[in-house]
Amino acid sequence: MIAVKLSVQQLIEALSGLSEKEKIRVREALNKDFEIADTELEELLNRKRDFQAGRISSRPWAEIRRNYDRV
């Protein structure tokens, strides 16, 4: 595997130069990274219902990011 560090803007520019077929291949590869199981989807929907009902609260993105940066 090759690792390349690009900014989001650089990545967008690189992708804009691809052919339609290449863009489709990139989209398919990215979509595989975001597939979720039925149990995960159900958990997300439960959390959404709990949030809307006031049983749980939201947190600022900066706080969440700090937690992930520690991992």
N, C-alpha and C. Protein backbone atom coordinates (compact mmCIF):
# COMPACT_ATOMS: atom_id res chain seq x y z
N MET A 1 0.84 -1.17 0.00
CA MET A 1 0.00 0.00 0.00
C MET A 1 0.89 1.24 0.00
N ILE A 2 0.48 2.24 -0.74
CA ILE A 2 1.21 3.50 -0.80
C ILE A 2 0.42 4.55 -0.03
N ALA A 3 1.10 5.28 0.83
CA ALA A 3 0.45 6.36 1.57
C ALA A 3 0.91 7.70 1.01
N VAL A 4 -0.05 8.54 0.69
CA VAL A 4 0.23 9.87 0.16
C VAL A 4 -0.54 10.87 0.99
N LYS A 5 0.14 11.89 1.46
CA LYS A 5 -0.53 12.91 2.27
C LYS A 5 -0.92 14.07 1.35
N LEU A 6 -2.22 14.25 1.19
CA LEU A 6 -2.78 15.34 0.38
C LEU A 6 -3.79 16.09 1.22
N SER A 7 -3.90 17.37 0.97
CA SER A 7 -5.00 18.11 1.58
C SER A 7 -6.28 17.70 0.86
N VAL A 8 -7.40 18.01 1.45
CA VAL A 8 -8.67 17.70 0.81
C VAL A 8 -8.76 18.41 -0.54
N GLN A 9 -8.31 19.65 -0.58
CA GLN A 9 -8.35 20.40 -1.83
C GLN A 9 -7.48 19.73 -2.89
N GLN A 10 -6.29 19.26 -2.51
CA GLN A 10 -5.42 18.58 -3.46
C GLN A 10 -6.05 17.29 -3.95
N LEU A 11 -6.71 16.59 -3.05
CA LEU A 11 -7.38 15.36 -3.44
C LEU A 11 -8.51 15.64 -4.42
N ILE A 12 -9.29 16.66 -4.15
CA ILE A 12 -10.38 17.04 -5.06
C ILE A 12 -9.83 17.38 -6.44
N GLU A 13 -8.75 18.13 -6.47
CA GLU A 13 -8.13 18.49 -7.74
C GLU A 13 -7.63 17.26 -8.48
N ALA A 14 -7.03 16.32 -7.76
CA ALA A 14 -6.54 15.09 -8.39
C ALA A 14 -7.70 14.27 -8.94
N LEU A 15 -8.78 14.19 -8.18
CA LEU A 15 -9.94 13.42 -8.63
C LEU A 15 -10.62 14.06 -9.84
N SER A 16 -10.59 15.38 -9.91
CA SER A 16 -11.26 16.06 -11.02
C SER A 16 -10.58 15.74 -12.35
N GLY A 17 -9.32 15.31 -12.32
CA GLY A 17 -8.62 14.97 -13.54
C GLY A 17 -8.83 13.55 -14.01
N LEU A 18 -9.60 12.77 -13.26
CA LEU A 18 -9.83 11.38 -13.62
C LEU A 18 -10.92 11.25 -14.68
N SER A 19 -10.88 10.15 -15.40
CA SER A 19 -11.95 9.85 -16.35
C SER A 19 -13.19 9.44 -15.58
N GLU A 20 -14.33 9.41 -16.23
CA GLU A 20 -15.57 9.01 -15.57
C GLU A 20 -15.46 7.58 -15.03
N LYS A 21 -14.84 6.71 -15.79
CA LYS A 21 -14.67 5.32 -15.36
C LYS A 21 -13.81 5.25 -14.11
N GLU A 22 -12.74 6.03 -14.07
CA GLU A 22 -11.87 6.06 -12.89
C GLU A 22 -12.60 6.64 -11.68
N LYS A 23 -13.40 7.67 -11.91
CA LYS A 23 -14.17 8.26 -10.80
C LYS A 23 -15.15 7.25 -10.22
N ILE A 24 -15.76 6.46 -11.07
CA ILE A 24 -16.69 5.43 -10.61
C ILE A 24 -15.95 4.40 -9.76
N ARG A 25 -14.76 4.02 -10.18
CA ARG A 25 -13.97 3.05 -9.41
C ARG A 25 -13.60 3.62 -8.05
N VAL A 26 -13.24 4.90 -8.00
CA VAL A 26 -12.91 5.54 -6.73
C VAL A 26 -14.15 5.58 -5.83
N ARG A 27 -15.30 5.97 -6.39
CA ARG A 27 -16.53 6.03 -5.61
C ARG A 27 -16.89 4.65 -5.05
N GLU A 28 -16.76 3.61 -5.86
CA GLU A 28 -17.07 2.26 -5.39
C GLU A 28 -16.13 1.85 -4.25
N ALA A 29 -14.86 2.19 -4.37
CA ALA A 29 -13.89 1.86 -3.32
C ALA A 29 -14.23 2.60 -2.03
N LEU A 30 -14.60 3.87 -2.14
CA LEU A 30 -14.96 4.65 -0.96
C LEU A 30 -16.25 4.14 -0.34
N ASN A 31 -17.21 3.77 -1.15
CA ASN A 31 -18.48 3.28 -0.63
C ASN A 31 -18.29 2.02 0.20
N LYS A 32 -17.33 1.18 -0.17
CA LYS A 32 -17.07 -0.04 0.60
C LYS A 32 -16.61 0.31 2.01
N ASP A 33 -15.92 1.43 2.16
CA ASP A 33 -15.46 1.86 3.49
C ASP A 33 -16.61 2.30 4.38
N PHE A 34 -17.76 2.59 3.80
CA PHE A 34 -18.87 3.13 4.57
C PHE A 34 -20.05 2.18 4.66
N GLU A 35 -19.84 0.92 4.31
CA GLU A 35 -20.91 -0.06 4.44
C GLU A 35 -21.08 -0.37 5.93
N ILE A 36 -22.32 -0.50 6.34
CA ILE A 36 -22.58 -0.83 7.74
C ILE A 36 -23.52 -2.03 7.81
N ALA A 37 -23.34 -2.82 8.84
CA ALA A 37 -24.19 -3.99 9.05
C ALA A 37 -25.56 -3.55 9.53
N ASP A 38 -26.52 -4.45 9.41
CA ASP A 38 -27.88 -4.15 9.87
C ASP A 38 -27.90 -3.81 11.35
N THR A 39 -27.09 -4.50 12.15
CA THR A 39 -27.05 -4.23 13.59
C THR A 39 -26.51 -2.83 13.86
N GLU A 40 -25.52 -2.39 13.06
CA GLU A 40 -24.97 -1.04 13.22
C GLU A 40 -25.99 0.01 12.83
N LEU A 41 -26.73 -0.25 11.75
CA LEU A 41 -27.78 0.68 11.33
C LEU A 41 -28.85 0.80 12.41
N GLU A 42 -29.24 -0.32 12.99
CA GLU A 42 -30.25 -0.29 14.05
C GLU A 42 -29.75 0.52 15.24
N GLU A 43 -28.47 0.37 15.60
CA GLU A 43 -27.89 1.14 16.71
C GLU A 43 -27.93 2.64 16.40
N LEU A 44 -27.60 3.01 15.16
CA LEU A 44 -27.65 4.42 14.77
C LEU A 44 -29.07 4.97 14.87
N LEU A 45 -30.03 4.20 14.41
CA LEU A 45 -31.43 4.64 14.47
C LEU A 45 -31.91 4.75 15.91
N ASN A 46 -31.48 3.81 16.78
CA ASN A 46 -31.83 3.89 18.20
C ASN A 46 -31.26 5.15 18.83
N ARG A 47 -30.01 5.47 18.52
CA ARG A 47 -29.38 6.67 19.07
C ARG A 47 -30.09 7.93 18.58
N LYS A 48 -30.50 7.92 17.30
CA LYS A 48 -31.23 9.07 16.77
C LYS A 48 -32.54 9.26 17.52
N ARG A 49 -33.27 8.17 17.74
CA ARG A 49 -34.54 8.25 18.48
C ARG A 49 -34.30 8.75 19.90
N ASP A 50 -33.24 8.23 20.55
CA ASP A 50 -32.93 8.67 21.91
C ASP A 50 -32.59 10.16 21.94
N PHE A 51 -31.85 10.62 20.95
CA PHE A 51 -31.49 12.04 20.89
C PHE A 51 -32.74 12.89 20.70
N GLN A 52 -33.58 12.49 19.76
CA GLN A 52 -34.79 13.27 19.48
C GLN A 52 -35.75 13.27 20.68
N ALA A 53 -35.71 12.21 21.47
CA ALA A 53 -36.58 12.13 22.64
C ALA A 53 -35.95 12.82 23.86
N GLY A 54 -34.72 13.30 23.72
CA GLY A 54 -34.07 14.00 24.82
C GLY A 54 -33.41 13.08 25.84
N ARG A 55 -33.28 11.79 25.51
CA ARG A 55 -32.66 10.85 26.44
C ARG A 55 -31.13 10.91 26.40
N ILE A 56 -30.57 11.40 25.32
CA ILE A 56 -29.13 11.62 25.21
C ILE A 56 -28.90 12.99 24.60
N SER A 57 -27.71 13.53 24.80
CA SER A 57 -27.41 14.85 24.25
C SER A 57 -26.27 14.76 23.24
N SER A 58 -26.08 15.82 22.53
CA SER A 58 -24.98 15.86 21.56
C SER A 58 -23.73 16.40 22.24
N ARG A 59 -22.58 16.24 21.55
CA ARG A 59 -21.32 16.78 22.04
C ARG A 59 -20.67 17.58 20.92
N PRO A 60 -19.88 18.57 21.26
CA PRO A 60 -19.20 19.35 20.22
C PRO A 60 -18.21 18.48 19.45
N TRP A 61 -18.08 18.76 18.14
CA TRP A 61 -17.17 17.99 17.29
C TRP A 61 -15.74 18.04 17.84
N ALA A 62 -15.30 19.17 18.37
CA ALA A 62 -13.94 19.30 18.89
C ALA A 62 -13.69 18.28 20.00
N GLU A 63 -14.67 18.05 20.85
CA GLU A 63 -14.54 17.08 21.93
C GLU A 63 -14.44 15.66 21.38
N ILE A 64 -15.29 15.34 20.45
CA ILE A 64 -15.28 14.01 19.83
C ILE A 64 -13.94 13.78 19.12
N ARG A 65 -13.49 14.77 18.40
CA ARG A 65 -12.22 14.65 17.66
C ARG A 65 -11.06 14.41 18.62
N ARG A 66 -11.03 15.11 19.73
CA ARG A 66 -9.97 14.91 20.73
C ARG A 66 -9.94 13.45 21.19
N ASN A 67 -11.11 12.88 21.40
CA ASN A 67 -11.18 11.48 21.82
C ASN A 67 -10.61 10.54 20.76
N TYR A 68 -10.89 10.80 19.49
CA TYR A 68 -10.39 9.96 18.43
C TYR A 68 -8.90 10.19 18.17
N ASP A 69 -8.44 11.39 18.38
CA ASP A 69 -7.02 11.69 18.17
C ASP A 69 -6.14 10.96 19.18
N ARG A 70 -6.70 10.61 20.33
CA ARG A 70 -5.94 9.89 21.37
C ARG A 70 -5.74 8.42 21.01
N VAL A 71 -6.56 7.89 20.14
CA VAL A 71 -6.51 6.47 19.80
C VAL A 71 -5.35 6.16 18.91
